[in-house]
Amino acid sequence: MAVAFHNLNSDSGLKKLDEYLLARSYITGYQASKDDITVYSYLAKTPSAEYVNASRWYKHIDALLRISGVSGEGAGVIVEGSAPITEAVATPPAADSKASAAEEEDDDDDVDLFGEETEEEKKAAEERAAAMKASGKKKESGKSSVLMDVKPWDDETDMKKLEEAVRSVHMEGLTYGAAKLVPVGYGIKKLQIMLTIVDDLVSVDDLIENYLTVEPINEYVQSCDIVAFNKI
């Protein structure tokens, strides 16, 4: 069944989107897809900081569209109660999603948003990068968004202390995001937490093996699993 959203530019619509993205990096699946572009095209602007998950997601999709485009097919998404935003975006044709995300596939003969990058598009991207450098702006790169499952020993483990123990690990380039408890079975719950890391500074394997599953944190944490790992 396709994911459905309503009135995305209203407080209630943004709240639902924000809650939906609490433990997800993308609208569907584990990579950016046409579903993300569809939802993105219905938003008039970046969600305010109040909607931290929706804001993070919007900025990430916006950056992808401006840099390289999105090729994932998606699983299907429905947006009701509003119309897509159709202002032109000053980006290469491959990333110009706001003007075409709601068009039917029959129109793709004119503009192929998801096809191979042409020489003209590559040149435009290079010129844009040069312009950004000349104006003193730096393109954010080398970061990843990680969704991690942290499992306790049993149903008697204090999950509040478990989360506090996880967040007590401080490393340069590591930022913690939203977290929630997810039922596993037999009264046991796992902690699902979002992380943002600077790739050159933080190794997730090192974080798990040398910090999260050793003393004293292993008093609460039995194991950690990476659910999703996406470049930002």
Protein backbone atom coordinates (compact mmCIF):
# COMPACT_ATOMS: atom_id res chain seq x y z
CA MET A 1 0.00 0.00 0.00
CA ALA A 2 1.32 3.44 -0.95
CA VAL A 3 2.25 5.91 1.80
CA ALA A 4 -0.27 8.77 2.01
CA PHE A 5 0.12 12.34 3.25
CA HIS A 6 -2.43 15.17 3.50
CA ASN A 7 -2.06 18.97 3.40
CA LEU A 8 1.73 18.91 3.69
CA ASN A 9 2.02 22.68 4.08
CA SER A 10 -0.29 22.74 7.10
CA ASP A 11 0.83 22.22 10.71
CA SER A 12 -0.99 18.89 10.89
CA GLY A 13 0.49 17.71 7.59
CA LEU A 14 4.03 18.69 8.59
CA LYS A 15 3.59 17.05 11.99
CA LYS A 16 2.59 13.74 10.37
CA LEU A 17 5.52 13.94 7.95
CA ASP A 18 7.89 14.72 10.83
CA GLU A 19 6.64 11.77 12.88
CA TYR A 20 6.86 9.49 9.82
CA LEU A 21 10.52 10.46 9.28
CA LEU A 22 11.47 9.98 12.94
CA ALA A 23 13.06 6.60 12.23
CA ARG A 24 13.38 6.86 8.45
CA SER A 25 15.92 8.51 6.18
CA TYR A 26 13.64 8.45 3.12
CA ILE A 27 9.93 8.27 2.30
CA THR A 28 10.25 4.65 1.19
CA GLY A 29 13.19 2.24 1.21
CA TYR A 30 16.79 2.93 2.12
CA GLN A 31 17.75 5.26 -0.73
CA ALA A 32 16.39 8.47 -2.22
CA SER A 33 13.71 7.74 -4.82
CA LYS A 34 10.92 9.27 -6.87
CA ASP A 35 8.74 9.04 -3.75
CA ASP A 36 11.00 11.58 -2.02
CA ILE A 37 10.82 13.89 -5.02
CA THR A 38 7.02 13.64 -5.07
CA VAL A 39 6.68 14.69 -1.42
CA TYR A 40 9.44 17.29 -1.82
CA SER A 41 7.55 18.88 -4.72
CA TYR A 42 4.49 19.50 -2.55
CA LEU A 43 6.38 21.48 0.11
CA ALA A 44 6.51 25.25 -0.44
CA LYS A 45 9.71 25.67 1.60
CA THR A 46 12.03 23.95 4.05
CA PRO A 47 10.03 22.83 7.13
CA SER A 48 10.83 24.93 10.20
CA ALA A 49 13.26 23.72 12.87
CA GLU A 50 10.22 22.69 14.93
CA TYR A 51 9.86 19.75 12.55
CA VAL A 52 13.43 18.51 12.97
CA ASN A 53 13.05 15.22 11.06
CA ALA A 54 11.13 16.72 8.14
CA SER A 55 13.60 19.62 7.95
CA ARG A 56 16.59 17.24 7.92
CA TRP A 57 14.99 15.12 5.21
CA TYR A 58 14.04 18.13 3.04
CA LYS A 59 17.56 19.62 3.16
CA HIS A 60 19.06 16.23 2.30
CA ILE A 61 16.78 15.71 -0.73
CA ASP A 62 17.34 19.31 -1.83
CA ALA A 63 21.11 18.76 -1.69
CA LEU A 64 20.85 15.51 -3.68
CA LEU A 65 18.78 17.18 -6.38
CA ARG A 66 21.21 20.06 -6.69
CA ILE A 67 24.26 17.82 -6.85
CA SER A 68 23.45 14.63 -8.72
CA GLY A 69 19.74 13.88 -8.95
CA VAL A 70 17.76 10.88 -7.69
CA SER A 71 17.39 7.56 -9.53
CA GLY A 72 15.48 5.24 -7.17
CA GLU A 73 12.06 4.13 -8.42
CA GLY A 74 10.29 4.15 -5.03
CA ALA A 75 7.33 2.13 -3.81
CA GLY A 76 4.57 4.69 -4.33
CA VAL A 77 3.35 7.71 -2.37
CA ILE A 78 0.09 9.71 -2.37
CA VAL A 79 -0.18 13.39 -1.42
CA GLU A 80 -3.67 14.85 -1.05
CA GLY A 81 -5.16 18.20 -0.14
CA SER A 82 -2.55 20.39 -1.86
CA ALA A 83 -0.92 21.02 -5.21
CA PRO A 84 2.75 20.49 -6.07
CA ILE A 85 4.99 23.54 -6.04
CA THR A 86 6.13 24.32 -9.57
CA GLU A 87 8.69 27.13 -9.22
CA ALA A 88 11.84 26.55 -11.25
CA VAL A 89 14.96 25.58 -9.34
CA ALA A 90 18.33 26.97 -10.42
CA THR A 91 19.91 23.57 -10.90
CA PRO A 92 20.86 21.28 -13.82
CA PRO A 93 17.92 19.70 -15.70
CA ALA A 94 18.53 16.34 -13.99
CA ALA A 95 17.79 17.91 -10.63
CA ASP A 96 14.90 20.17 -11.66
CA SER A 97 12.30 18.13 -9.83
CA LYS A 98 9.94 20.81 -8.54
CA ALA A 99 8.72 21.58 -12.08
CA SER A 100 8.17 17.96 -13.05
CA ALA A 101 7.71 15.63 -10.08
CA ALA A 102 3.91 15.68 -10.51
CA GLU A 103 3.93 15.24 -14.31
CA GLU A 104 2.95 11.94 -15.90
CA GLU A 105 5.57 9.62 -17.30
CA ASP A 106 4.36 10.45 -20.83
CA ASP A 107 6.03 13.86 -20.51
CA ASP A 108 9.45 12.36 -19.75
CA ASP A 109 10.35 12.44 -23.45
CA ASP A 110 10.99 16.17 -23.06
CA VAL A 111 12.86 16.15 -19.74
CA ASP A 112 14.35 12.95 -18.34
CA LEU A 113 14.86 13.61 -14.64
CA PHE A 114 16.28 10.23 -13.89
CA GLY A 115 18.35 9.37 -16.95
CA GLU A 116 22.07 9.51 -17.62
CA GLU A 117 23.76 12.83 -16.98
CA THR A 118 24.56 14.60 -20.25
CA GLU A 119 27.71 16.55 -21.08
CA GLU A 120 25.70 19.77 -20.82
CA GLU A 121 24.50 18.81 -17.33
CA LYS A 122 28.02 17.91 -16.22
CA LYS A 123 29.29 21.25 -17.50
CA ALA A 124 26.50 23.09 -15.69
CA ALA A 125 27.33 21.25 -12.45
CA GLU A 126 31.02 22.13 -12.80
CA GLU A 127 30.18 25.78 -13.46
CA ARG A 128 27.88 25.86 -10.44
CA ALA A 129 30.57 24.32 -8.22
CA ALA A 130 33.08 26.90 -9.47
CA ALA A 131 30.62 29.70 -8.76
CA MET A 132 30.02 28.42 -5.23
CA LYS A 133 33.77 28.25 -4.60
CA ALA A 134 34.26 31.76 -5.94
CA SER A 135 31.55 33.12 -3.66
CA GLY A 136 33.14 31.48 -0.63
CA LYS A 137 30.45 28.85 -0.14
CA LYS A 138 31.47 25.29 0.67
CA LYS A 139 29.42 22.31 -0.40
CA GLU A 140 28.65 20.04 2.54
CA SER A 141 30.00 16.58 1.91
CA GLY A 142 31.53 13.61 3.65
CA LYS A 143 28.62 13.03 6.02
CA SER A 144 26.31 10.05 6.49
CA SER A 145 22.97 9.46 8.15
CA VAL A 146 22.84 6.21 10.15
CA LEU A 147 19.81 4.47 11.64
CA MET A 148 20.89 2.03 14.36
CA ASP A 149 19.12 -0.61 16.46
CA VAL A 150 20.48 -0.96 20.00
CA LYS A 151 19.34 -4.15 21.73
CA PRO A 152 19.19 -4.72 25.50
CA TRP A 153 19.99 -7.94 27.34
CA ASP A 154 16.43 -8.66 28.42
CA ASP A 155 13.07 -7.16 29.39
CA GLU A 156 14.46 -6.03 32.75
CA THR A 157 17.03 -3.70 31.22
CA ASP A 158 16.36 -0.03 32.07
CA MET A 159 15.87 1.42 28.57
CA LYS A 160 16.14 5.00 29.79
CA LYS A 161 19.58 4.29 31.21
CA LEU A 162 20.46 2.38 28.04
CA GLU A 163 19.71 5.45 25.91
CA GLU A 164 21.62 7.69 28.32
CA ALA A 165 24.60 5.32 28.10
CA VAL A 166 24.53 5.39 24.29
CA ARG A 167 24.32 9.19 24.17
CA SER A 168 27.15 9.45 26.70
CA VAL A 169 29.60 8.43 23.97
CA HIS A 170 31.06 11.63 22.53
CA MET A 171 33.24 11.68 19.43
CA GLU A 172 34.26 14.48 17.11
CA GLY A 173 32.03 14.26 14.05
CA LEU A 174 29.24 12.33 15.82
CA THR A 175 25.78 13.85 16.37
CA TYR A 176 22.79 12.06 17.87
CA GLY A 177 19.29 12.56 16.51
CA ALA A 178 15.83 11.34 17.43
CA ALA A 179 15.28 7.98 19.10
CA LYS A 180 12.37 5.74 19.96
CA LEU A 181 11.66 2.37 21.57
CA VAL A 182 10.45 -0.38 19.25
CA PRO A 183 8.80 -3.59 20.58
CA VAL A 184 10.70 -6.77 19.70
CA GLY A 185 8.69 -9.43 21.52
CA TYR A 186 8.28 -11.09 24.91
CA GLY A 187 8.13 -7.67 26.57
CA ILE A 188 11.52 -6.66 25.17
CA LYS A 189 12.03 -3.36 23.36
CA LYS A 190 15.00 -2.12 21.36
CA LEU A 191 16.25 1.45 21.01
CA GLN A 192 16.21 2.81 17.46
CA ILE A 193 18.33 5.95 17.15
CA MET A 194 19.43 8.26 14.34
CA LEU A 195 23.07 9.35 14.05
CA THR A 196 24.82 11.81 11.77
CA ILE A 197 28.53 11.21 11.29
CA VAL A 198 31.41 12.87 9.50
CA ASP A 199 32.82 10.01 7.44
CA ASP A 200 36.46 11.01 7.82
CA LEU A 201 36.17 11.23 11.61
CA VAL A 202 33.80 8.46 12.69
CA SER A 203 33.74 4.75 11.84
CA VAL A 204 30.42 3.15 12.78
CA ASP A 205 32.09 -0.24 13.21
CA ASP A 206 34.60 1.33 15.61
CA LEU A 207 31.80 3.12 17.45
CA ILE A 208 29.96 -0.16 18.01
CA GLU A 209 32.92 -2.43 18.77
CA ASN A 210 35.01 -0.09 20.92
CA TYR A 211 32.42 2.13 22.59
CA LEU A 212 28.84 0.86 22.60
CA THR A 213 29.46 -2.83 23.40
CA VAL A 214 32.23 -2.53 25.99
CA GLU A 215 32.24 -1.67 29.67
CA PRO A 216 30.44 0.09 31.22
CA ILE A 217 27.83 0.47 28.46
CA ASN A 218 27.58 -3.28 27.83
CA GLU A 219 25.83 -3.49 31.18
CA TYR A 220 22.77 -2.34 29.23
CA VAL A 221 23.66 -2.96 25.56
CA GLN A 222 23.79 -6.51 24.24
CA SER A 223 24.34 -5.66 20.55
CA CYS A 224 23.96 -2.98 17.89
CA ASP A 225 22.82 -3.31 14.27
CA ILE A 226 22.94 -0.82 11.42
CA VAL A 227 19.44 -0.57 9.89
CA ALA A 228 20.20 2.11 7.29
CA PHE A 229 23.34 3.93 6.19
CA ASN A 230 22.98 6.78 3.70
CA LYS A 231 25.39 9.40 2.43
CA ILE A 232 24.29 13.00 2.94
